[in-house]
């Protein structure tokens, strides 16, 4: 029972983010993930182009 009481006390001290903060943070994570995906797509295509020019294989 002591453990449960301690957990409740700790949870009461937590500062939870507001709905607005949660939505903004989620939007930023999604946007940055999409940006990273585009970056790696373009990098992959560039490497593919260089490999096909150097070695004659690829697309």
PDB file of N, CA and C in Angstrom:
ATOM      1  N   UNK A   1       0.813  -1.197   0.000  1.00  0.00           N
ATOM      2  CA  UNK A   1       0.000   0.000   0.000  1.00  0.00           C
ATOM      3  C   UNK A   1       0.853   1.256   0.000  1.00  0.00           C
ATOM      4  N   UNK A   2       2.017   1.177   0.626  1.00  0.00           N
ATOM      5  CA  UNK A   2       2.911   2.326   0.662  1.00  0.00           C
ATOM      6  C   UNK A   2       3.344   2.706  -0.756  1.00  0.00           C
ATOM      7  N   UNK A   3       3.614   1.704  -1.564  1.00  0.00           N
ATOM      8  CA  UNK A   3       4.022   1.957  -2.951  1.00  0.00           C
ATOM      9  C   UNK A   3       2.932   2.705  -3.715  1.00  0.00           C
ATOM     10  N   UNK A   4       1.703   2.254  -3.585  1.00  0.00           N
ATOM     11  CA  UNK A   4       0.583   2.883  -4.292  1.00  0.00           C
ATOM     12  C   UNK A   4       0.423   4.330  -3.837  1.00  0.00           C
ATOM     13  N   UNK A   5       0.559   4.581  -2.559  1.00  0.00           N
ATOM     14  CA  UNK A   5       0.440   5.943  -2.043  1.00  0.00           C
ATOM     15  C   UNK A   5       1.564   6.825  -2.610  1.00  0.00           C
ATOM     16  N   UNK A   6       2.773   6.295  -2.647  1.00  0.00           N
ATOM     17  CA  UNK A   6       3.901   7.051  -3.191  1.00  0.00           C
ATOM     18  C   UNK A   6       3.702   7.356  -4.674  1.00  0.00           C
ATOM     19  N   UNK A   7       3.177   6.397  -5.413  1.00  0.00           N
ATOM     20  CA  UNK A   7       2.915   6.612  -6.838  1.00  0.00           C
ATOM     21  C   UNK A   7       1.884   7.711  -7.016  1.00  0.00           C
ATOM     22  N   UNK A   8       0.831   7.691  -6.235  1.00  0.00           N
ATOM     23  CA  UNK A   8      -0.207   8.729  -6.333  1.00  0.00           C
ATOM     24  C   UNK A   8       0.361  10.108  -6.016  1.00  0.00           C
ATOM     25  N   UNK A   9       1.245  10.194  -5.039  1.00  0.00           N
ATOM     26  CA  UNK A   9       1.866  11.468  -4.697  1.00  0.00           C
ATOM     27  C   UNK A   9       2.732  11.975  -5.856  1.00  0.00           C
ATOM     28  N   UNK A  10       3.475  11.084  -6.469  1.00  0.00           N
ATOM     29  CA  UNK A  10       4.326  11.482  -7.591  1.00  0.00           C
ATOM     30  C   UNK A  10       3.491  11.934  -8.788  1.00  0.00           C
ATOM     31  N   UNK A  11       2.421  11.212  -9.076  1.00  0.00           N
ATOM     32  CA  UNK A  11       1.555  11.573 -10.200  1.00  0.00           C
ATOM     33  C   UNK A  11       0.909  12.933  -9.945  1.00  0.00           C
ATOM     34  N   UNK A  12       0.589  13.234  -8.709  1.00  0.00           N
ATOM     35  CA  UNK A  12      -0.019  14.526  -8.381  1.00  0.00           C
ATOM     36  C   UNK A  12       0.958  15.671  -8.630  1.00  0.00           C
ATOM     37  N   UNK A  13       2.259  15.408  -8.569  1.00  0.00           N
ATOM     38  CA  UNK A  13       3.275  16.446  -8.781  1.00  0.00           C
ATOM     39  C   UNK A  13       3.582  16.697 -10.258  1.00  0.00           C
ATOM     40  N   UNK A  14       3.164  15.791 -11.110  1.00  0.00           N
ATOM     41  CA  UNK A  14       3.473  15.906 -12.531  1.00  0.00           C
ATOM     42  C   UNK A  14       2.725  17.091 -13.129  1.00  0.00           C
ATOM     43  N   UNK A  15       3.426  17.871 -13.942  1.00  0.00           N
ATOM     44  CA  UNK A  15       2.789  18.965 -14.671  1.00  0.00           C
ATOM     45  C   UNK A  15       2.434  18.439 -16.053  1.00  0.00           C
ATOM     46  N   UNK A  16       1.155  18.208 -16.293  1.00  0.00           N
ATOM     47  CA  UNK A  16       0.724  17.643 -17.552  1.00  0.00           C
ATOM     48  C   UNK A  16       0.581  18.755 -18.590  1.00  0.00           C
ATOM     49  N   UNK A  17       0.942  18.480 -19.859  1.00  0.00           N
ATOM     50  CA  UNK A  17       0.795  19.510 -20.891  1.00  0.00           C
ATOM     51  C   UNK A  17      -0.675  19.762 -21.207  1.00  0.00           C
ATOM     52  N   UNK A  18      -0.946  20.990 -21.641  1.00  0.00           N
ATOM     53  CA  UNK A  18      -2.315  21.312 -22.024  1.00  0.00           C
ATOM     54  C   UNK A  18      -2.638  20.663 -23.366  1.00  0.00           C
ATOM     55  N   UNK A  19      -3.896  20.691 -23.740  1.00  0.00           N
ATOM     56  CA  UNK A  19      -4.311  20.130 -25.039  1.00  0.00           C
ATOM     57  C   UNK A  19      -3.630  20.871 -26.182  1.00  0.00           C
ATOM     58  N   UNK A  20      -3.541  22.192 -26.053  1.00  0.00           N
ATOM     59  CA  UNK A  20      -2.904  23.001 -27.094  1.00  0.00           C
ATOM     60  C   UNK A  20      -1.428  22.628 -27.239  1.00  0.00           C
ATOM     61  N   UNK A  21      -0.717  22.502 -26.123  1.00  0.00           N
ATOM     62  CA  UNK A  21       0.701  22.127 -26.165  1.00  0.00           C
ATOM     63  C   UNK A  21       0.882  20.745 -26.793  1.00  0.00           C
ATOM     64  N   UNK A  22      -0.006  19.827 -26.465  1.00  0.00           N
ATOM     65  CA  UNK A  22       0.069  18.482 -27.015  1.00  0.00           C
ATOM     66  C   UNK A  22      -0.146  18.491 -28.526  1.00  0.00           C
ATOM     67  N   UNK A  23      -1.129  19.262 -28.997  1.00  0.00           N
ATOM     68  CA  UNK A  23      -1.400  19.346 -30.424  1.00  0.00           C
ATOM     69  C   UNK A  23      -0.238  19.999 -31.174  1.00  0.00           C
ATOM     70  N   UNK A  24       0.337  21.055 -30.607  1.00  0.00           N
ATOM     71  CA  UNK A  24       1.471  21.725 -31.252  1.00  0.00           C
ATOM     72  C   UNK A  24       2.665  20.784 -31.335  1.00  0.00           C
ATOM     73  N   UNK A  25       2.956  20.107 -30.253  1.00  0.00           N
ATOM     74  CA  UNK A  25       4.091  19.184 -30.237  1.00  0.00           C
ATOM     75  C   UNK A  25       3.881  18.038 -31.225  1.00  0.00           C
ATOM     76  N   UNK A  26       2.670  17.509 -31.279  1.00  0.00           N
ATOM     77  CA  UNK A  26       2.357  16.430 -32.222  1.00  0.00           C
ATOM     78  C   UNK A  26       2.517  16.907 -33.651  1.00  0.00           C
ATOM     79  N   UNK A  27       2.033  18.117 -33.942  1.00  0.00           N
ATOM     80  CA  UNK A  27       2.183  18.685 -35.276  1.00  0.00           C
ATOM     81  C   UNK A  27       3.638  18.857 -35.662  1.00  0.00           C
ATOM     82  N   UNK A  28       4.452  19.313 -34.733  1.00  0.00           N
ATOM     83  CA  UNK A  28       5.878  19.479 -35.013  1.00  0.00           C
ATOM     84  C   UNK A  28       6.554  18.138 -35.286  1.00  0.00           C
ATOM     85  N   UNK A  29       6.206  17.143 -34.503  1.00  0.00           N
ATOM     86  CA  UNK A  29       6.793  15.814 -34.719  1.00  0.00           C
ATOM     87  C   UNK A  29       6.412  15.280 -36.092  1.00  0.00           C
ATOM     88  N   UNK A  30       5.151  15.417 -36.477  1.00  0.00           N
ATOM     89  CA  UNK A  30       4.715  14.946 -37.794  1.00  0.00           C
ATOM     90  C   UNK A  30       5.394  15.713 -38.911  1.00  0.00           C
ATOM     91  N   UNK A  31       5.487  17.039 -38.780  1.00  0.00           N
ATOM     92  CA  UNK A  31       6.123  17.861 -39.808  1.00  0.00           C
ATOM     93  C   UNK A  31       7.605  17.528 -39.954  1.00  0.00           C
ATOM     94  N   UNK A  32       8.302  17.391 -38.850  1.00  0.00           N
ATOM     95  CA  UNK A  32       9.732  17.076 -38.916  1.00  0.00           C
ATOM     96  C   UNK A  32       9.967  15.658 -39.428  1.00  0.00           C
ATOM     97  N   UNK A  33       9.062  14.745 -39.124  1.00  0.00           N
ATOM     98  CA  UNK A  33       9.180  13.389 -39.665  1.00  0.00           C
ATOM     99  C   UNK A  33       8.996  13.391 -41.177  1.00  0.00           C
ATOM    100  N   UNK A  34       8.034  14.171 -41.655  1.00  0.00           N
ATOM    101  CA  UNK A  34       7.822  14.285 -43.103  1.00  0.00           C
ATOM    102  C   UNK A  34       9.029  14.935 -43.768  1.00  0.00           C
ATOM    103  N   UNK A  35       9.589  15.961 -43.144  1.00  0.00           N
ATOM    104  CA  UNK A  35      10.780  16.625 -43.687  1.00  0.00           C
ATOM    105  C   UNK A  35      11.960  15.657 -43.752  1.00  0.00           C
ATOM    106  N   UNK A  36      12.152  14.864 -42.726  1.00  0.00           N
ATOM    107  CA  UNK A  36      13.229  13.876 -42.721  1.00  0.00           C
ATOM    108  C   UNK A  36      13.005  12.827 -43.809  1.00  0.00           C
ATOM    109  N   UNK A  37      11.763  12.415 -44.004  1.00  0.00           N
ATOM    110  CA  UNK A  37      11.456  11.426 -45.042  1.00  0.00           C
ATOM    111  C   UNK A  37      11.791  11.974 -46.424  1.00  0.00           C
ATOM    112  N   UNK A  38      11.437  13.229 -46.683  1.00  0.00           N
ATOM    113  CA  UNK A  38      11.748  13.847 -47.977  1.00  0.00           C
ATOM    114  C   UNK A  38      13.253  13.980 -48.146  1.00  0.00           C
ATOM    115  N   UNK A  39      13.952  14.397 -47.099  1.00  0.00           N
ATOM    116  CA  UNK A  39      15.409  14.527 -47.159  1.00  0.00           C
ATOM    117  C   UNK A  39      16.062  13.195 -47.523  1.00  0.00           C
ATOM    118  N   UNK A  40      15.665  12.122 -46.851  1.00  0.00           N
ATOM    119  CA  UNK A  40      16.277  10.828 -47.121  1.00  0.00           C
ATOM    120  C   UNK A  40      15.865  10.272 -48.481  1.00  0.00           C
ATOM    121  N   UNK A  41      14.666  10.586 -48.934  1.00  0.00           N
ATOM    122  CA  UNK A  41      14.254  10.197 -50.275  1.00  0.00           C
ATOM    123  C   UNK A  41      15.147  10.865 -51.319  1.00  0.00           C
ATOM    124  N   UNK A  42      15.352  12.169 -51.173  1.00  0.00           N
ATOM    125  CA  UNK A  42      16.189  12.899 -52.127  1.00  0.00           C
ATOM    126  C   UNK A  42      17.643  12.433 -52.063  1.00  0.00           C
ATOM    127  N   UNK A  43      18.135  12.187 -50.859  1.00  0.00           N
ATOM    128  CA  UNK A  43      19.508  11.689 -50.704  1.00  0.00           C
ATOM    129  C   UNK A  43      19.661  10.333 -51.369  1.00  0.00           C
ATOM    130  N   UNK A  44      18.679   9.457 -51.188  1.00  0.00           N
ATOM    131  CA  UNK A  44      18.716   8.133 -51.801  1.00  0.00           C
ATOM    132  C   UNK A  44      18.707   8.238 -53.321  1.00  0.00           C
ATOM    133  N   UNK A  45      17.876   9.112 -53.850  1.00  0.00           N
ATOM    134  CA  UNK A  45      17.809   9.289 -55.308  1.00  0.00           C
ATOM    135  C   UNK A  45      19.127   9.844 -55.855  1.00  0.00           C
ATOM    136  N   UNK A  46      19.749  10.755 -55.121  1.00  0.00           N
ATOM    137  CA  UNK A  46      21.041  11.306 -55.546  1.00  0.00           C
ATOM    138  C   UNK A  46      22.123  10.228 -55.557  1.00  0.00           C
ATOM    139  N   UNK A  47      22.169   9.423 -54.520  1.00  0.00           N
ATOM    140  CA  UNK A  47      23.146   8.329 -54.469  1.00  0.00           C
ATOM    141  C   UNK A  47      22.878   7.337 -55.594  1.00  0.00           C
ATOM    142  N   UNK A  48      21.611   7.044 -55.856  1.00  0.00           N
ATOM    143  CA  UNK A  48      21.239   6.128 -56.940  1.00  0.00           C
ATOM    144  C   UNK A  48      21.715   6.682 -58.284  1.00  0.00           C
ATOM    145  N   UNK A  49      21.539   7.977 -58.506  1.00  0.00           N
ATOM    146  CA  UNK A  49      21.978   8.613 -59.751  1.00  0.00           C
ATOM    147  C   UNK A  49      23.494   8.544 -59.897  1.00  0.00           C
ATOM    148  N   UNK A  50      24.215   8.851 -58.832  1.00  0.00           N
ATOM    149  CA  UNK A  50      25.677   8.809 -58.871  1.00  0.00           C
ATOM    150  C   UNK A  50      26.159   7.388 -59.150  1.00  0.00           C
ATOM    151  N   UNK A  51      25.558   6.408 -58.514  1.00  0.00           N
ATOM    152  CA  UNK A  51      25.964   5.018 -58.732  1.00  0.00           C
ATOM    153  C   UNK A  51      25.690   4.590 -60.174  1.00  0.00           C
ATOM    154  N   UNK A  52      24.572   5.012 -60.722  1.00  0.00           N
ATOM    155  CA  UNK A  52      24.263   4.619 -62.099  1.00  0.00           C
ATOM    156  C   UNK A  52      25.210   5.308 -63.078  1.00  0.00           C
ATOM    157  N   UNK A  53      25.622   6.529 -62.781  1.00  0.00           N
ATOM    158  CA  UNK A  53      26.577   7.222 -63.649  1.00  0.00           C
ATOM    159  C   UNK A  53      27.979   6.615 -63.543  1.00  0.00           C
ATOM    160  N   UNK A  54      28.388   6.249 -62.350  1.00  0.00           N
ATOM    161  CA  UNK A  54      29.727   5.706 -62.140  1.00  0.00           C
ATOM    162  C   UNK A  54      29.856   4.265 -62.621  1.00  0.00           C
ATOM    163  N   UNK A  55      28.877   3.431 -62.305  1.00  0.00           N
ATOM    164  CA  UNK A  55      29.016   2.007 -62.539  1.00  0.00           C
ATOM    165  C   UNK A  55      28.085   1.472 -63.623  1.00  0.00           C
ATOM    166  N   UNK A  56      27.178   2.297 -64.101  1.00  0.00           N
ATOM    167  CA  UNK A  56      26.311   1.871 -65.191  1.00  0.00           C
ATOM    168  C   UNK A  56      25.187   0.937 -64.799  1.00  0.00           C
ATOM    169  N   UNK A  57      24.888   0.851 -63.514  1.00  0.00           N
ATOM    170  CA  UNK A  57      23.743   0.048 -63.113  1.00  0.00           C
ATOM    171  C   UNK A  57      22.869   0.852 -62.163  1.00  0.00           C
ATOM    172  N   UNK A  58      21.718   0.362 -61.935  1.00  0.00           N
ATOM    173  CA  UNK A  58      20.713   1.110 -61.189  1.00  0.00           C
ATOM    174  C   UNK A  58      19.570   1.394 -62.138  1.00  0.00           C
ATOM    175  N   UNK A  59      18.899   2.469 -61.917  1.00  0.00           N
ATOM    176  CA  UNK A  59      17.754   2.803 -62.758  1.00  0.00           C
ATOM    177  C   UNK A  59      18.181   3.423 -64.054  1.00  0.00           C
TER     178      UNK A  59
END
